[in-house]
C-alpha atoms as a PDB file:
ATOM      1  CA  MET A   1     137.492  42.294  20.387  1.00  0.00           C
ATOM      2  CA  LYS A   2     135.010  39.436  20.066  1.00  0.00           C
ATOM      3  CA  LYS A   3     136.398  35.988  20.843  1.00  0.00           C
ATOM      4  CA  ASN A   4     135.523  33.108  18.512  1.00  0.00           C
ATOM      5  CA  LEU A   5     133.635  30.388  20.364  1.00  0.00           C
ATOM      6  CA  ILE A   6     134.449  26.720  19.944  1.00  0.00           C
ATOM      7  CA  LYS A   7     131.557  24.971  18.208  1.00  0.00           C
ATOM      8  CA  THR A   8     133.112  21.638  17.355  1.00  0.00           C
ATOM      9  CA  ILE A   9     134.995  19.070  19.381  1.00  0.00           C
ATOM     10  CA  ARG A  10     136.946  15.993  18.387  1.00  0.00           C
ATOM     11  CA  LEU A  11     135.733  12.717  19.816  1.00  0.00           C
ATOM     12  CA  LYS A  12     137.599   9.469  20.200  1.00  0.00           C
ATOM     13  CA  ASP A  13     136.214   6.748  17.942  1.00  0.00           C
ATOM     14  CA  SER A  14     134.972   4.875  21.015  1.00  0.00           C
ATOM     15  CA  GLU A  15     133.146   7.978  22.303  1.00  0.00           C
ATOM     16  CA  SER A  16     131.450   8.481  18.958  1.00  0.00           C
ATOM     17  CA  ILE A  17     130.361   4.844  18.859  1.00  0.00           C
ATOM     18  CA  ASP A  18     129.085   5.029  22.454  1.00  0.00           C
ATOM     19  CA  LEU A  19     127.011   8.115  21.625  1.00  0.00           C
ATOM     20  CA  GLU A  20     125.622   6.469  18.497  1.00  0.00           C
ATOM     21  CA  VAL A  21     124.635   3.320  20.406  1.00  0.00           C
ATOM     22  CA  LEU A  22     123.065   5.277  23.262  1.00  0.00           C
ATOM     23  CA  SER A  23     121.080   7.575  20.961  1.00  0.00           C
ATOM     24  CA  TYR A  24     119.802   4.506  19.080  1.00  0.00           C
ATOM     25  CA  GLU A  25     118.832   2.716  22.315  1.00  0.00           C
ATOM     26  CA  LEU A  26     117.040   5.761  23.754  1.00  0.00           C
ATOM     27  CA  THR A  27     115.186   6.369  20.491  1.00  0.00           C
ATOM     28  CA  LYS A  28     114.224   2.685  20.306  1.00  0.00           C
ATOM     29  CA  LYS A  29     112.925   2.851  23.887  1.00  0.00           C
ATOM     30  CA  ASN A  30     110.793   5.880  22.988  1.00  0.00           C
ATOM     31  CA  ILE A  31     109.375   4.126  19.929  1.00  0.00           C
ATOM     32  CA  MET A  32     108.554   1.007  21.974  1.00  0.00           C
ATOM     33  CA  ASN A  33     106.691   3.275  24.421  1.00  0.00           C
ATOM     34  CA  GLY A  34     104.756   4.967  21.622  1.00  0.00           C
ATOM     35  CA  ILE A  35     106.708   8.223  21.944  1.00  0.00           C
ATOM     36  CA  ASN A  36     107.769   9.791  18.661  1.00  0.00           C
ATOM     37  CA  ILE A  37     110.974  11.494  19.875  1.00  0.00           C
ATOM     38  CA  PHE A  38     114.222  10.697  18.093  1.00  0.00           C
ATOM     39  CA  TYR A  39     117.624  11.480  19.615  1.00  0.00           C
ATOM     40  CA  LYS A  40     120.792  12.344  17.719  1.00  0.00           C
ATOM     41  CA  GLU A  41     124.245  12.091  19.225  1.00  0.00           C
ATOM     42  CA  SER A  42     124.376  15.887  19.513  1.00  0.00           C
ATOM     43  CA  ASP A  43     121.191  15.856  21.638  1.00  0.00           C
ATOM     44  CA  LEU A  44     122.972  13.683  24.189  1.00  0.00           C
ATOM     45  CA  VAL A  45     126.069  15.881  24.214  1.00  0.00           C
ATOM     46  CA  HIS A  46     123.988  19.042  24.703  1.00  0.00           C
ATOM     47  CA  PHE A  47     122.020  17.375  27.511  1.00  0.00           C
ATOM     48  CA  LEU A  48     125.199  16.320  29.300  1.00  0.00           C
ATOM     49  CA  ILE A  49     126.786  19.759  28.966  1.00  0.00           C
ATOM     50  CA  GLU A  50     123.674  21.586  30.169  1.00  0.00           C
ATOM     51  CA  ASN A  51     123.046  19.267  33.125  1.00  0.00           C
ATOM     52  CA  LYS A  52     126.457  18.075  34.298  1.00  0.00           C
ATOM     53  CA  MET A  53     128.905  20.869  33.479  1.00  0.00           C
ATOM     54  CA  ASN A  54     128.565  22.468  36.918  1.00  0.00           C
ATOM     55  CA  GLU A  55     129.541  19.173  38.563  1.00  0.00           C
ATOM     56  CA  ILE A  56     133.029  19.048  37.009  1.00  0.00           C
ATOM     57  CA  ASP A  57     135.969  19.838  39.272  1.00  0.00           C
ATOM     58  CA  VAL A  58     139.661  19.027  39.634  1.00  0.00           C
ATOM     59  CA  ASN A  59     141.210  16.937  42.387  1.00  0.00           C
ATOM     60  CA  GLU A  60     144.420  17.655  44.295  1.00  0.00           C
ATOM     61  CA  LYS A  61     146.442  16.161  41.410  1.00  0.00           C
ATOM     62  CA  GLY A  62     144.812  18.480  38.864  1.00  0.00           C
ATOM     63  CA  GLU A  63     142.808  15.645  37.287  1.00  0.00           C
ATOM     64  CA  LEU A  64     139.232  16.121  36.140  1.00  0.00           C
ATOM     65  CA  THR A  65     136.628  14.663  38.464  1.00  0.00           C
ATOM     66  CA  PHE A  66     133.006  15.125  39.469  1.00  0.00           C
ATOM     67  CA  LYS A  67     132.207  17.096  42.604  1.00  0.00           C
ATOM     68  CA  VAL A  68     131.144  14.946  45.531  1.00  0.00           C
ATOM     69  CA  LYS A  69     127.512  15.578  46.413  1.00  0.00           C
ATOM     70  CA  ASN A  70     126.693  16.011  50.072  1.00  0.00           C
ATOM     71  CA  SER A  71     123.850  13.688  51.067  1.00  0.00           C
END
Protein backbone atom coordinates (compact mmCIF):
# COMPACT_ATOMS: atom_id res chain seq x y z
CA MET A 1 0.00 0.00 0.00
CA LYS A 2 1.34 3.42 -0.98
CA LYS A 3 1.81 5.86 1.89
CA ASN A 4 0.63 9.45 1.43
CA LEU A 5 3.53 11.88 1.75
CA ILE A 6 3.28 15.07 3.77
CA LYS A 7 3.44 18.06 1.43
CA THR A 8 2.41 20.86 3.73
CA ILE A 9 3.59 21.97 7.15
CA ARG A 10 2.20 24.47 9.62
CA LEU A 11 4.48 27.33 10.55
CA LYS A 12 4.35 29.57 13.57
CA ASP A 13 3.46 33.15 12.66
CA SER A 14 6.97 34.24 13.64
CA GLU A 15 8.55 31.58 11.38
CA SER A 16 6.43 32.70 8.45
CA ILE A 17 7.39 36.33 9.02
CA ASP A 18 11.08 35.41 9.34
CA LEU A 19 10.95 33.51 6.04
CA GLU A 20 9.18 36.40 4.33
CA VAL A 21 11.74 38.93 5.59
CA LEU A 22 14.69 36.73 4.64
CA SER A 23 13.37 35.99 1.14
CA TYR A 24 12.81 39.73 0.61
CA GLU A 25 16.31 40.61 1.85
CA LEU A 26 18.01 37.95 -0.30
CA THR A 27 16.03 38.99 -3.37
CA LYS A 28 16.85 42.65 -2.71
CA LYS A 29 20.55 41.76 -2.41
CA ASN A 30 20.40 39.95 -5.76
CA ILE A 31 18.71 42.93 -7.42
CA MET A 32 21.30 45.33 -5.99
CA ASN A 33 24.01 43.07 -7.47
CA GLY A 34 22.31 43.02 -10.87
CA ILE A 35 21.18 39.40 -10.49
CA ASN A 36 17.62 38.71 -11.58
CA ILE A 37 16.85 35.83 -9.18
CA PHE A 38 13.84 36.14 -6.91
CA TYR A 39 13.37 33.93 -3.84
CA LYS A 40 10.06 32.81 -2.36
CA GLU A 41 9.70 31.52 1.17
CA SER A 42 9.35 27.98 -0.17
CA ASP A 43 12.75 28.29 -1.92
CA LEU A 44 14.37 28.90 1.46
CA VAL A 45 12.57 25.99 3.09
CA HIS A 46 13.57 23.61 0.28
CA PHE A 47 17.18 24.81 0.48
CA LEU A 48 17.31 24.24 4.24
CA ILE A 49 15.76 20.78 3.98
CA GLU A 50 18.07 19.69 1.16
CA ASN A 51 21.24 21.03 2.79
CA LYS A 52 20.74 20.71 6.54
CA MET A 53 18.45 17.72 7.06
CA ASN A 54 21.35 15.29 7.50
CA GLU A 55 22.75 17.44 10.32
CA ILE A 56 19.72 17.00 12.60
CA ASP A 57 20.11 14.70 15.59
CA VAL A 58 18.72 14.20 19.09
CA ASN A 59 20.62 14.75 22.32
CA GLU A 60 20.59 12.54 25.41
CA LYS A 61 17.32 14.19 26.53
CA GLY A 62 15.61 13.40 23.22
CA GLU A 63 15.63 17.05 22.12
CA LEU A 64 16.33 18.05 18.54
CA THR A 65 19.81 19.41 17.94
CA PHE A 66 22.39 19.76 15.19
CA LYS A 67 25.20 17.24 14.97
CA VAL A 68 28.54 18.56 16.16
CA LYS A 69 30.99 18.80 13.28
CA ASN A 70 34.48 17.50 13.90
CA SER A 71 37.06 20.13 12.93
